Amino acid sequence: NMVGSDYEPNEAVLTKLPQVTLVAVIGPAAVGKTTLMNAAAARCPALHPVLTTTSRGLRNGEKNDIDAHFRSRKEMKQRIAEHAYVQVSPDVLGDLYATASEDYAAEGVAVMAILADAMPTFTSLPFKVVRPIFMLPPSWDAWKRRLADRHFDTEQYEKRLVEAGQSLRYAIDTPELSFMIADDLAQATLEFTQAALGADPVANQFACRDLAATLLKELQNR
């Protein structure tokens, strides 16, 4: 079905990627990745969020081509058949998700939330740089509150927890990873902006790795 690691972009798409510096924002669902990326991009004109194309329906308050490119499954399948996307995500959440090369800024820095499972796909593509930043909640309780605020139904909630487990395992197993803690929004926005532009992260990296291990243990024991 040509998604995930089986999918390969065509030559025209590949020739655009060496101009792109990509910041990959990884972390469990509801940790606040999108909020933080948007806040950072509003402050810093060099940061450009990559709009995803998806077959899912619009959620409350979302606008087409502003929050994402909402397209029909049929239209997306057509572009997939033409290998015209940069990548197509594995169908873990039930809808199609892909990104198009025209949505990656060649100037400044492209920033995008990426599932841990999709990272090998992105690192294998010929981007100029792929800079991963792993975003953690300040604590298990804070993360549980954020998850509850999303009002996922049971099935969605369970899928998010499975994905969170995968992302936390990725955090623990990946040596070259910058961590940051999404706590106070203003402070986190500043830290994220600096890290996205290539500065060393402010947070204690050893403490963050320990926090990721603690969160994974809590998740397994719940």
N, C-alpha and C. Protein backbone atom coordinates (compact mmCIF):
# COMPACT_ATOMS: atom_id res chain seq x y z
N ASN A 1 0.82 -1.22 0.00
CA ASN A 1 0.00 0.00 0.00
C ASN A 1 0.85 1.27 0.00
N MET A 2 2.18 1.11 -0.22
CA MET A 2 3.08 2.24 -0.45
C MET A 2 3.00 3.35 0.59
N VAL A 3 2.90 2.98 1.84
CA VAL A 3 2.99 4.02 2.87
C VAL A 3 4.17 3.69 3.78
N GLY A 4 4.53 4.67 4.61
CA GLY A 4 5.62 4.45 5.54
C GLY A 4 6.91 4.17 4.80
N SER A 5 7.64 3.16 5.24
CA SER A 5 8.98 2.90 4.70
C SER A 5 8.95 2.34 3.28
N ASP A 6 7.80 1.87 2.80
CA ASP A 6 7.71 1.33 1.44
C ASP A 6 7.58 2.43 0.38
N TYR A 7 7.21 3.61 0.82
CA TYR A 7 6.93 4.69 -0.13
C TYR A 7 8.23 5.41 -0.52
N GLU A 8 8.39 5.72 -1.79
CA GLU A 8 9.53 6.52 -2.22
C GLU A 8 9.07 7.67 -3.11
N PRO A 9 9.55 8.90 -2.83
CA PRO A 9 9.15 10.04 -3.67
C PRO A 9 9.82 9.99 -5.04
N ASN A 10 9.20 10.68 -6.00
CA ASN A 10 9.79 10.73 -7.34
C ASN A 10 10.97 11.70 -7.40
N GLU A 11 11.65 11.69 -8.53
CA GLU A 11 12.89 12.46 -8.70
C GLU A 11 12.68 13.96 -8.52
N ALA A 12 11.56 14.49 -9.03
CA ALA A 12 11.29 15.93 -8.93
C ALA A 12 11.18 16.36 -7.46
N VAL A 13 10.56 15.51 -6.64
CA VAL A 13 10.43 15.79 -5.21
C VAL A 13 11.81 15.74 -4.55
N LEU A 14 12.58 14.71 -4.86
CA LEU A 14 13.90 14.52 -4.23
C LEU A 14 14.86 15.67 -4.50
N THR A 15 14.77 16.27 -5.68
CA THR A 15 15.72 17.36 -6.02
C THR A 15 15.48 18.62 -5.18
N LYS A 16 14.30 18.76 -4.59
CA LYS A 16 14.01 19.96 -3.77
C LYS A 16 14.55 19.83 -2.34
N LEU A 17 14.71 18.60 -1.87
CA LEU A 17 14.98 18.39 -0.45
C LEU A 17 16.35 18.85 0.05
N PRO A 18 17.41 18.79 -0.76
CA PRO A 18 18.72 19.24 -0.25
C PRO A 18 18.78 20.72 0.13
N GLN A 19 17.76 21.50 -0.21
CA GLN A 19 17.72 22.91 0.20
C GLN A 19 17.07 23.08 1.57
N VAL A 20 16.50 21.99 2.10
CA VAL A 20 15.62 22.13 3.29
C VAL A 20 16.32 21.71 4.58
N THR A 21 16.32 22.61 5.57
CA THR A 21 16.71 22.27 6.94
C THR A 21 15.42 21.94 7.69
N LEU A 22 15.34 20.72 8.19
CA LEU A 22 14.10 20.25 8.83
C LEU A 22 14.31 20.01 10.31
N VAL A 23 13.47 20.64 11.13
CA VAL A 23 13.44 20.33 12.56
C VAL A 23 12.27 19.38 12.80
N ALA A 24 12.60 18.17 13.25
CA ALA A 24 11.59 17.15 13.52
C ALA A 24 11.21 17.20 14.99
N VAL A 25 9.95 17.50 15.28
CA VAL A 25 9.50 17.61 16.68
C VAL A 25 8.79 16.31 17.04
N ILE A 26 9.35 15.59 17.98
CA ILE A 26 8.84 14.27 18.36
C ILE A 26 8.37 14.35 19.80
N GLY A 27 7.39 13.53 20.14
CA GLY A 27 6.94 13.50 21.53
C GLY A 27 5.56 12.88 21.62
N PRO A 28 5.15 12.46 22.83
CA PRO A 28 3.85 11.82 22.97
C PRO A 28 2.69 12.75 22.61
N ALA A 29 1.58 12.17 22.21
CA ALA A 29 0.37 12.94 21.88
C ALA A 29 0.01 13.88 23.02
N ALA A 30 -0.50 15.05 22.67
CA ALA A 30 -1.03 16.02 23.64
C ALA A 30 0.05 16.69 24.50
N VAL A 31 1.31 16.51 24.13
CA VAL A 31 2.36 17.16 24.91
C VAL A 31 2.43 18.66 24.56
N GLY A 32 1.87 19.04 23.42
CA GLY A 32 1.81 20.45 23.04
C GLY A 32 2.74 20.82 21.89
N LYS A 33 3.06 19.85 21.04
CA LYS A 33 4.01 20.08 19.93
C LYS A 33 3.52 21.18 18.99
N THR A 34 2.27 21.07 18.53
CA THR A 34 1.73 22.03 17.56
C THR A 34 1.62 23.43 18.15
N THR A 35 1.12 23.50 19.39
CA THR A 35 0.99 24.79 20.09
C THR A 35 2.34 25.50 20.15
N LEU A 36 3.36 24.75 20.52
CA LEU A 36 4.69 25.32 20.69
C LEU A 36 5.30 25.72 19.35
N MET A 37 5.15 24.87 18.34
CA MET A 37 5.69 25.21 17.01
C MET A 37 5.04 26.48 16.47
N ASN A 38 3.74 26.59 16.62
CA ASN A 38 3.03 27.77 16.13
C ASN A 38 3.42 29.03 16.90
N ALA A 39 3.58 28.88 18.22
CA ALA A 39 4.00 30.03 19.04
C ALA A 39 5.41 30.48 18.65
N ALA A 40 6.29 29.52 18.40
CA ALA A 40 7.67 29.84 18.02
C ALA A 40 7.71 30.50 16.64
N ALA A 41 6.92 29.96 15.71
CA ALA A 41 6.88 30.52 14.35
C ALA A 41 6.32 31.94 14.34
N ALA A 42 5.37 32.21 15.25
CA ALA A 42 4.80 33.56 15.35
C ALA A 42 5.84 34.55 15.86
N ARG A 43 6.76 34.09 16.68
CA ARG A 43 7.81 34.95 17.24
C ARG A 43 9.00 35.10 16.30
N CYS A 44 9.30 34.00 15.57
CA CYS A 44 10.54 33.97 14.80
C CYS A 44 10.24 33.70 13.32
N PRO A 45 10.40 34.70 12.46
CA PRO A 45 10.04 34.55 11.05
C PRO A 45 10.88 33.52 10.29
N ALA A 46 12.01 33.07 10.88
CA ALA A 46 12.85 32.07 10.20
C ALA A 46 12.27 30.65 10.32
N LEU A 47 11.29 30.47 11.23
CA LEU A 47 10.70 29.14 11.42
C LEU A 47 9.40 29.01 10.62
N HIS A 48 9.31 27.92 9.86
CA HIS A 48 8.15 27.71 8.99
C HIS A 48 7.52 26.33 9.23
N PRO A 49 6.37 26.27 9.91
CA PRO A 49 5.72 24.97 10.09
C PRO A 49 5.35 24.34 8.74
N VAL A 50 5.57 23.05 8.63
CA VAL A 50 5.21 22.29 7.42
C VAL A 50 3.75 21.88 7.56
N LEU A 51 2.91 22.31 6.62
CA LEU A 51 1.50 21.90 6.68
C LEU A 51 1.37 20.46 6.17
N THR A 52 0.68 19.66 6.94
CA THR A 52 0.42 18.27 6.56
C THR A 52 -0.81 18.21 5.65
N THR A 53 -0.82 17.24 4.76
CA THR A 53 -2.02 16.94 3.96
C THR A 53 -2.65 15.70 4.58
N THR A 54 -3.96 15.74 4.81
CA THR A 54 -4.62 14.61 5.48
C THR A 54 -6.01 14.34 4.91
N SER A 55 -6.41 13.08 5.01
CA SER A 55 -7.76 12.70 4.56
C SER A 55 -8.77 12.78 5.70
N ARG A 56 -8.31 13.14 6.93
CA ARG A 56 -9.28 13.22 8.04
C ARG A 56 -10.15 14.47 7.90
N GLY A 57 -11.29 14.44 8.56
CA GLY A 57 -12.20 15.59 8.53
C GLY A 57 -11.67 16.75 9.36
N LEU A 58 -12.20 17.94 9.12
CA LEU A 58 -11.80 19.11 9.91
C LEU A 58 -12.35 18.99 11.32
N ARG A 59 -11.52 19.34 12.31
CA ARG A 59 -12.01 19.41 13.69
C ARG A 59 -12.56 20.81 13.93
N ASN A 60 -13.23 20.95 15.06
CA ASN A 60 -13.84 22.22 15.42
C ASN A 60 -12.84 23.38 15.34
N GLY A 61 -13.20 24.41 14.58
CA GLY A 61 -12.36 25.61 14.51
C GLY A 61 -11.21 25.53 13.53
N GLU A 62 -11.02 24.38 12.89
CA GLU A 62 -9.92 24.26 11.93
C GLU A 62 -10.30 24.87 10.58
N LYS A 63 -9.28 25.39 9.88
CA LYS A 63 -9.52 25.95 8.55
C LYS A 63 -8.66 25.22 7.53
N ASN A 64 -9.27 24.92 6.39
CA ASN A 64 -8.55 24.23 5.33
C ASN A 64 -7.41 25.11 4.80
N ASP A 65 -6.26 24.50 4.59
CA ASP A 65 -5.05 25.15 4.07
C ASP A 65 -4.42 26.15 5.04
N ILE A 66 -4.94 26.18 6.28
CA ILE A 66 -4.30 26.99 7.33
C ILE A 66 -3.80 26.07 8.43
N ASP A 67 -4.67 25.17 8.90
CA ASP A 67 -4.26 24.19 9.91
C ASP A 67 -3.65 22.95 9.26
N ALA A 68 -4.15 22.58 8.11
CA ALA A 68 -3.64 21.46 7.32
C ALA A 68 -4.29 21.55 5.95
N HIS A 69 -3.78 20.75 5.00
CA HIS A 69 -4.48 20.62 3.72
C HIS A 69 -5.42 19.43 3.84
N PHE A 70 -6.70 19.71 3.94
CA PHE A 70 -7.69 18.63 4.05
C PHE A 70 -8.12 18.23 2.65
N ARG A 71 -7.80 16.99 2.28
CA ARG A 71 -8.07 16.51 0.93
C ARG A 71 -8.82 15.18 0.98
N SER A 72 -9.49 14.85 -0.11
CA SER A 72 -10.22 13.57 -0.14
C SER A 72 -9.21 12.43 -0.21
N ARG A 73 -9.62 11.28 0.29
CA ARG A 73 -8.79 10.07 0.23
C ARG A 73 -8.44 9.76 -1.23
N LYS A 74 -9.43 9.96 -2.12
CA LYS A 74 -9.23 9.66 -3.54
C LYS A 74 -8.10 10.52 -4.13
N GLU A 75 -8.16 11.83 -3.84
CA GLU A 75 -7.14 12.75 -4.35
C GLU A 75 -5.75 12.40 -3.80
N MET A 76 -5.70 12.03 -2.50
CA MET A 76 -4.43 11.67 -1.90
C MET A 76 -3.88 10.37 -2.49
N LYS A 77 -4.76 9.41 -2.70
CA LYS A 77 -4.34 8.12 -3.30
C LYS A 77 -3.71 8.36 -4.69
N GLN A 78 -4.30 9.30 -5.43
CA GLN A 78 -3.79 9.64 -6.76
C GLN A 78 -2.35 10.18 -6.67
N ARG A 79 -2.14 11.11 -5.73
CA ARG A 79 -0.79 11.69 -5.57
C ARG A 79 0.21 10.66 -5.05
N ILE A 80 -0.27 9.75 -4.21
CA ILE A 80 0.60 8.68 -3.71
C ILE A 80 1.05 7.80 -4.89
N ALA A 81 0.09 7.48 -5.78
CA ALA A 81 0.40 6.66 -6.95
C ALA A 81 1.43 7.33 -7.86
N GLU A 82 1.42 8.67 -7.86
CA GLU A 82 2.40 9.42 -8.68
C GLU A 82 3.72 9.66 -7.93
N HIS A 83 3.79 9.18 -6.68
CA HIS A 83 4.99 9.38 -5.84
C HIS A 83 5.29 10.87 -5.67
N ALA A 84 4.24 11.67 -5.62
CA ALA A 84 4.39 13.12 -5.62
C ALA A 84 4.47 13.75 -4.22
N TYR A 85 4.35 12.94 -3.16
CA TYR A 85 4.56 13.44 -1.80
C TYR A 85 6.01 13.18 -1.37
N VAL A 86 6.47 13.94 -0.38
CA VAL A 86 7.79 13.67 0.21
C VAL A 86 7.74 12.34 0.96
N GLN A 87 6.69 12.20 1.80
CA GLN A 87 6.52 10.95 2.56
C GLN A 87 5.03 10.77 2.84
N VAL A 88 4.68 9.52 3.11
CA VAL A 88 3.30 9.18 3.48
C VAL A 88 3.39 8.40 4.80
N SER A 89 2.66 8.87 5.82
CA SER A 89 2.79 8.23 7.13
C SER A 89 2.12 6.88 7.16
N PRO A 90 2.68 5.97 7.97
CA PRO A 90 1.98 4.71 8.21
C PRO A 90 0.59 5.01 8.75
N ASP A 91 -0.37 4.21 8.36
CA ASP A 91 -1.78 4.49 8.63
C ASP A 91 -2.18 4.12 10.06
N VAL A 92 -1.41 4.61 11.07
CA VAL A 92 -1.66 4.18 12.45
C VAL A 92 -2.95 4.75 13.04
N LEU A 93 -3.30 5.95 12.63
CA LEU A 93 -4.46 6.59 13.27
C LEU A 93 -5.72 6.50 12.39
N GLY A 94 -5.66 5.71 11.32
CA GLY A 94 -6.87 5.45 10.53
C GLY A 94 -7.10 6.38 9.35
N ASP A 95 -6.34 7.48 9.25
CA ASP A 95 -6.49 8.40 8.13
C ASP A 95 -5.15 8.52 7.40
N LEU A 96 -5.18 9.01 6.18
CA LEU A 96 -3.94 9.24 5.44
C LEU A 96 -3.32 10.58 5.85
N TYR A 97 -2.00 10.56 6.03
CA TYR A 97 -1.24 11.78 6.32
C TYR A 97 -0.02 11.78 5.42
N ALA A 98 0.25 12.90 4.77
CA ALA A 98 1.41 13.00 3.90
C ALA A 98 1.90 14.44 3.89
N THR A 99 3.10 14.65 3.34
CA THR A 99 3.58 16.02 3.17
C THR A 99 4.07 16.20 1.74
N ALA A 100 3.84 17.39 1.21
CA ALA A 100 4.22 17.72 -0.16
C ALA A 100 5.44 18.63 -0.14
N SER A 101 6.30 18.51 -1.14
CA SER A 101 7.56 19.27 -1.12
C SER A 101 7.33 20.79 -1.10
N GLU A 102 6.21 21.23 -1.70
CA GLU A 102 5.96 22.68 -1.71
C GLU A 102 5.63 23.23 -0.31
N ASP A 103 5.38 22.33 0.64
CA ASP A 103 5.07 22.77 2.00
C ASP A 103 6.30 22.83 2.92
N TYR A 104 7.47 22.47 2.36
CA TYR A 104 8.72 22.59 3.12
C TYR A 104 9.42 23.87 2.68
N ALA A 105 9.66 24.78 3.61
CA ALA A 105 10.33 26.04 3.26
C ALA A 105 11.79 25.78 2.92
N ALA A 106 12.25 26.33 1.79
CA ALA A 106 13.66 26.20 1.42
C ALA A 106 14.50 27.26 2.13
N GLU A 107 13.86 28.36 2.56
CA GLU A 107 14.55 29.40 3.33
C GLU A 107 14.29 29.14 4.81
N GLY A 108 15.23 29.55 5.66
CA GLY A 108 15.03 29.39 7.10
C GLY A 108 14.96 27.93 7.49
N VAL A 109 14.05 27.61 8.42
CA VAL A 109 13.96 26.27 8.97
C VAL A 109 12.52 25.77 8.89
N ALA A 110 12.36 24.58 8.31
CA ALA A 110 11.04 23.94 8.28
C ALA A 110 10.86 23.16 9.58
N VAL A 111 9.72 23.34 10.26
CA VAL A 111 9.47 22.61 11.52
C VAL A 111 8.21 21.77 11.38
N MET A 112 8.27 20.57 11.95
CA MET A 112 7.16 19.65 11.75
C MET A 112 7.11 18.61 12.86
N ALA A 113 5.90 18.31 13.34
CA ALA A 113 5.73 17.22 14.30
C ALA A 113 5.76 15.90 13.54
N ILE A 114 6.58 14.97 14.01
CA ILE A 114 6.78 13.69 13.32
C ILE A 114 6.65 12.54 14.30
N LEU A 115 5.93 11.49 13.90
CA LEU A 115 5.82 10.29 14.73
C LEU A 115 7.19 9.61 14.81
N ALA A 116 7.52 9.08 15.98
CA ALA A 116 8.81 8.40 16.16
C ALA A 116 9.02 7.31 15.12
N ASP A 117 7.97 6.57 14.82
CA ASP A 117 8.07 5.47 13.84
C ASP A 117 8.42 5.96 12.44
N ALA A 118 8.12 7.23 12.15
CA ALA A 118 8.40 7.77 10.81
C ALA A 118 9.80 8.36 10.70
N MET A 119 10.51 8.48 11.82
CA MET A 119 11.83 9.13 11.79
C MET A 119 12.84 8.46 10.84
N PRO A 120 12.90 7.11 10.79
CA PRO A 120 13.84 6.51 9.84
C PRO A 120 13.58 6.93 8.39
N THR A 121 12.31 7.13 8.05
CA THR A 121 11.96 7.60 6.70
C THR A 121 12.55 8.99 6.46
N PHE A 122 12.37 9.89 7.42
CA PHE A 122 12.85 11.27 7.25
C PHE A 122 14.38 11.34 7.23
N THR A 123 15.04 10.55 8.08
CA THR A 123 16.50 10.61 8.11
C THR A 123 17.11 9.98 6.85
N SER A 124 16.35 9.13 6.16
CA SER A 124 16.88 8.52 4.93
C SER A 124 16.70 9.43 3.70
N LEU A 125 15.88 10.47 3.83
CA LEU A 125 15.65 11.40 2.71
C LEU A 125 16.78 12.43 2.63
N PRO A 126 17.05 12.99 1.41
CA PRO A 126 18.22 13.86 1.26
C PRO A 126 18.02 15.31 1.72
N PHE A 127 17.45 15.51 2.91
CA PHE A 127 17.36 16.87 3.47
C PHE A 127 18.77 17.39 3.73
N LYS A 128 18.91 18.70 3.72
CA LYS A 128 20.20 19.32 4.07
C LYS A 128 20.58 18.92 5.50
N VAL A 129 19.63 19.09 6.41
CA VAL A 129 19.82 18.73 7.83
C VAL A 129 18.49 18.22 8.35
N VAL A 130 18.53 17.18 9.20
CA VAL A 130 17.33 16.83 9.98
C VAL A 130 17.74 16.95 11.45
N ARG A 131 17.09 17.89 12.15
CA ARG A 131 17.44 18.19 13.54
C ARG A 131 16.28 17.74 14.45
N PRO A 132 16.42 16.60 15.14
CA PRO A 132 15.31 16.14 15.98
C PRO A 132 15.28 16.82 17.35
N ILE A 133 14.09 17.23 17.76
CA ILE A 133 13.89 17.78 19.12
C ILE A 133 12.78 16.95 19.76
N PHE A 134 13.07 16.37 20.91
CA PHE A 134 12.06 15.55 21.59
C PHE A 134 11.42 16.35 22.72
N MET A 135 10.11 16.46 22.66
CA MET A 135 9.38 17.28 23.62
C MET A 135 8.71 16.41 24.69
N LEU A 136 9.01 16.72 25.93
CA LEU A 136 8.46 15.96 27.05
C LEU A 136 7.51 16.82 27.88
N PRO A 137 6.48 16.20 28.48
CA PRO A 137 5.68 16.93 29.46
C PRO A 137 6.48 17.04 30.75
N PRO A 138 6.15 17.99 31.64
CA PRO A 138 6.93 18.13 32.87
C PRO A 138 6.79 16.93 33.82
N SER A 139 5.65 16.22 33.73
CA SER A 139 5.43 15.07 34.63
C SER A 139 4.33 14.18 34.05
N TRP A 140 4.21 12.99 34.63
CA TRP A 140 3.16 12.05 34.24
C TRP A 140 1.77 12.67 34.46
N ASP A 141 1.58 13.29 35.62
CA ASP A 141 0.26 13.87 35.94
C ASP A 141 -0.11 15.01 34.99
N ALA A 142 0.88 15.85 34.68
CA ALA A 142 0.64 16.97 33.75
C ALA A 142 0.25 16.42 32.38
N TRP A 143 0.93 15.36 31.95
CA TRP A 143 0.63 14.77 30.64
C TRP A 143 -0.76 14.15 30.62
N LYS A 144 -1.12 13.45 31.73
CA LYS A 144 -2.47 12.85 31.79
C LYS A 144 -3.56 13.92 31.71
N ARG A 145 -3.32 15.06 32.34
CA ARG A 145 -4.29 16.16 32.28
C ARG A 145 -4.42 16.67 30.85
N ARG A 146 -3.30 16.82 30.15
CA ARG A 146 -3.34 17.30 28.76
C ARG A 146 -4.07 16.32 27.85
N LEU A 147 -3.84 15.02 28.09
CA LEU A 147 -4.54 14.00 27.31
C LEU A 147 -6.05 14.08 27.54
N ALA A 148 -6.44 14.25 28.81
CA ALA A 148 -7.87 14.32 29.17
C ALA A 148 -8.52 15.54 28.52
N ASP A 149 -7.76 16.64 28.41
CA ASP A 149 -8.29 17.88 27.80
C ASP A 149 -8.64 17.71 26.32
N ARG A 150 -8.07 16.69 25.68
CA ARG A 150 -8.32 16.47 24.25
C ARG A 150 -9.64 15.74 23.99
N HIS A 151 -10.20 15.14 25.01
CA HIS A 151 -11.49 14.43 24.89
C HIS A 151 -11.47 13.38 23.77
N PHE A 152 -10.39 12.58 23.72
CA PHE A 152 -10.35 11.48 22.76
C PHE A 152 -11.38 10.43 23.16
N ASP A 153 -11.98 9.75 22.18
CA ASP A 153 -12.82 8.60 22.55
C ASP A 153 -11.88 7.45 22.93
N THR A 154 -12.44 6.37 23.47
CA THR A 154 -11.62 5.29 24.04
C THR A 154 -10.63 4.72 23.02
N GLU A 155 -11.10 4.50 21.81
CA GLU A 155 -10.24 3.91 20.79
C GLU A 155 -9.09 4.86 20.43
N GLN A 156 -9.42 6.13 20.22
CA GLN A 156 -8.39 7.14 19.90
C GLN A 156 -7.38 7.25 21.05
N TYR A 157 -7.91 7.23 22.27
CA TYR A 157 -7.07 7.37 23.47
C TYR A 157 -6.06 6.22 23.53
N GLU A 158 -6.55 5.00 23.32
CA GLU A 158 -5.67 3.82 23.36
C GLU A 158 -4.60 3.90 22.27
N LYS A 159 -5.00 4.33 21.06
CA LYS A 159 -4.03 4.47 19.97
C LYS A 159 -2.96 5.50 20.33
N ARG A 160 -3.37 6.60 20.97
CA ARG A 160 -2.42 7.64 21.37
C ARG A 160 -1.43 7.10 22.41
N LEU A 161 -1.92 6.24 23.30
CA LEU A 161 -1.04 5.69 24.34
C LEU A 161 -0.02 4.72 23.73
N VAL A 162 -0.45 3.93 22.76
CA VAL A 162 0.46 3.01 22.06
C VAL A 162 1.56 3.84 21.38
N GLU A 163 1.13 4.90 20.68
CA GLU A 163 2.08 5.76 19.97
C GLU A 163 3.01 6.46 20.97
N ALA A 164 2.48 6.86 22.12
CA ALA A 164 3.30 7.50 23.15
C ALA A 164 4.39 6.54 23.63
N GLY A 165 4.02 5.28 23.79
CA GLY A 165 5.01 4.26 24.19
C GLY A 165 6.13 4.14 23.17
N GLN A 166 5.75 4.16 21.88
CA GLN A 166 6.75 4.07 20.82
C GLN A 166 7.66 5.30 20.83
N SER A 167 7.07 6.47 21.03
CA SER A 167 7.89 7.69 20.99
C SER A 167 8.83 7.75 22.21
N LEU A 168 8.35 7.32 23.37
CA LEU A 168 9.22 7.34 24.56
C LEU A 168 10.36 6.32 24.44
N ARG A 169 10.04 5.17 23.84
CA ARG A 169 11.12 4.18 23.61
C ARG A 169 12.17 4.76 22.65
N TYR A 170 11.69 5.47 21.62
CA TYR A 170 12.59 6.13 20.67
C TYR A 170 13.49 7.13 21.42
N ALA A 171 12.90 7.88 22.34
CA ALA A 171 13.65 8.89 23.11
C ALA A 171 14.77 8.23 23.92
N ILE A 172 14.47 7.10 24.51
CA ILE A 172 15.44 6.41 25.36
C ILE A 172 16.54 5.76 24.52
N ASP A 173 16.18 5.26 23.33
CA ASP A 173 17.12 4.50 22.49
C ASP A 173 17.95 5.34 21.53
N THR A 174 17.60 6.62 21.36
CA THR A 174 18.30 7.44 20.34
C THR A 174 19.33 8.34 21.00
N PRO A 175 20.63 8.09 20.71
CA PRO A 175 21.66 8.87 21.41
C PRO A 175 21.69 10.36 21.03
N GLU A 176 21.63 10.66 19.71
CA GLU A 176 21.78 12.06 19.29
C GLU A 176 20.41 12.75 19.29
N LEU A 177 19.95 13.14 20.45
CA LEU A 177 18.60 13.72 20.52
C LEU A 177 18.62 14.89 21.48
N SER A 178 18.05 16.03 21.05
CA SER A 178 17.91 17.17 21.95
C SER A 178 16.55 17.06 22.64
N PHE A 179 16.55 17.15 23.95
CA PHE A 179 15.30 17.12 24.70
C PHE A 179 14.91 18.51 25.16
N MET A 180 13.61 18.74 25.27
CA MET A 180 13.13 19.92 25.96
C MET A 180 11.82 19.59 26.68
N ILE A 181 11.54 20.34 27.73
CA ILE A 181 10.33 20.10 28.51
C ILE A 181 9.33 21.22 28.22
N ALA A 182 8.14 20.80 27.78
CA ALA A 182 7.08 21.77 27.46
C ALA A 182 6.28 22.04 28.72
N ASP A 183 6.70 23.07 29.45
CA ASP A 183 6.01 23.42 30.70
C ASP A 183 5.39 24.81 30.53
N ASP A 184 6.05 25.84 31.02
CA ASP A 184 5.59 27.21 30.84
C ASP A 184 5.71 27.59 29.35
N LEU A 185 4.61 28.02 28.73
CA LEU A 185 4.59 28.23 27.28
C LEU A 185 5.61 29.28 26.81
N ALA A 186 5.68 30.41 27.51
CA ALA A 186 6.60 31.48 27.08
C ALA A 186 8.05 31.00 27.13
N GLN A 187 8.41 30.34 28.23
CA GLN A 187 9.78 29.83 28.38
C GLN A 187 10.07 28.73 27.34
N ALA A 188 9.10 27.82 27.18
CA ALA A 188 9.28 26.70 26.23
C ALA A 188 9.40 27.22 24.79
N THR A 189 8.63 28.27 24.47
CA THR A 189 8.69 28.86 23.13
C THR A 189 10.08 29.40 22.83
N LEU A 190 10.64 30.09 23.82
CA LEU A 190 11.98 30.65 23.69
C LEU A 190 13.01 29.53 23.49
N GLU A 191 12.92 28.50 24.34
CA GLU A 191 13.86 27.37 24.26
C GLU A 191 13.73 26.63 22.94
N PHE A 192 12.48 26.43 22.52
CA PHE A 192 12.25 25.71 21.26
C PHE A 192 12.82 26.49 20.08
N THR A 193 12.60 27.81 20.07
CA THR A 193 13.10 28.66 18.98
C THR A 193 14.62 28.55 18.88
N GLN A 194 15.29 28.63 20.02
CA GLN A 194 16.76 28.56 20.03
C GLN A 194 17.24 27.19 19.54
N ALA A 195 16.59 26.12 20.03
CA ALA A 195 16.99 24.76 19.63
C ALA A 195 16.74 24.53 18.14
N ALA A 196 15.61 25.06 17.66
CA ALA A 196 15.26 24.88 16.24
C ALA A 196 16.27 25.59 15.34
N LEU A 197 16.82 26.70 15.82
CA LEU A 197 17.81 27.45 15.05
C LEU A 197 19.23 26.88 15.22
N GLY A 198 19.34 25.81 16.03
CA GLY A 198 20.62 25.10 16.11
C GLY A 198 21.41 25.28 17.40
N ALA A 199 20.87 26.02 18.38
CA ALA A 199 21.58 26.18 19.66
C ALA A 199 21.45 24.91 20.50
N ASP A 200 22.39 24.71 21.41
CA ASP A 200 22.28 23.56 22.31
C ASP A 200 21.09 23.77 23.24
N PRO A 201 20.36 22.66 23.54
CA PRO A 201 19.19 22.80 24.41
C PRO A 201 19.56 23.23 25.83
N VAL A 202 18.62 23.93 26.46
CA VAL A 202 18.85 24.49 27.79
C VAL A 202 18.64 23.42 28.87
N ALA A 203 17.62 22.57 28.67
CA ALA A 203 17.25 21.60 29.71
C ALA A 203 18.37 20.59 29.95
N ASN A 204 18.44 20.07 31.16
CA ASN A 204 19.40 19.03 31.52
C ASN A 204 19.06 17.75 30.75
N GLN A 205 19.95 17.36 29.84
CA GLN A 205 19.64 16.24 28.94
C GLN A 205 19.58 14.90 29.66
N PHE A 206 20.42 14.71 30.68
CA PHE A 206 20.37 13.45 31.44
C PHE A 206 19.06 13.33 32.21
N ALA A 207 18.66 14.45 32.83
CA ALA A 207 17.40 14.45 33.59
C ALA A 207 16.22 14.17 32.66
N CYS A 208 16.28 14.73 31.44
CA CYS A 208 15.19 14.52 30.47
C CYS A 208 15.10 13.05 30.05
N ARG A 209 16.26 12.42 29.83
CA ARG A 209 16.27 11.01 29.45
C ARG A 209 15.66 10.16 30.57
N ASP A 210 16.01 10.52 31.82
CA ASP A 210 15.43 9.81 32.98
C ASP A 210 13.91 10.02 33.04
N LEU A 211 13.47 11.24 32.76
CA LEU A 211 12.04 11.54 32.76
C LEU A 211 11.32 10.70 31.69
N ALA A 212 11.92 10.57 30.51
CA ALA A 212 11.33 9.74 29.45
C ALA A 212 11.17 8.30 29.92
N ALA A 213 12.19 7.77 30.62
CA ALA A 213 12.14 6.40 31.15
C ALA A 213 11.05 6.26 32.21
N THR A 214 10.93 7.28 33.06
CA THR A 214 9.89 7.27 34.10
C THR A 214 8.49 7.27 33.48
N LEU A 215 8.30 8.12 32.47
CA LEU A 215 6.99 8.20 31.79
C LEU A 215 6.64 6.87 31.13
N LEU A 216 7.64 6.23 30.51
CA LEU A 216 7.40 4.95 29.85
C LEU A 216 6.99 3.89 30.88
N LYS A 217 7.67 3.91 32.04
CA LYS A 217 7.35 2.94 33.10
C LYS A 217 5.92 3.17 33.61
N GLU A 218 5.55 4.42 33.84
CA GLU A 218 4.18 4.76 34.29
C GLU A 218 3.15 4.29 33.27
N LEU A 219 3.49 4.47 32.00
CA LEU A 219 2.59 4.08 30.92
C LEU A 219 2.39 2.57 30.91
N GLN A 220 3.46 1.83 31.10
CA GLN A 220 3.39 0.36 31.10
C GLN A 220 2.67 -0.18 32.33
N ASN A 221 2.73 0.58 33.44
CA ASN A 221 2.14 0.11 34.70
C ASN A 221 0.72 0.58 34.94
N ARG A 222 0.19 1.38 34.01
CA ARG A 222 -1.10 2.01 34.30
C ARG A 222 -2.23 0.96 34.37
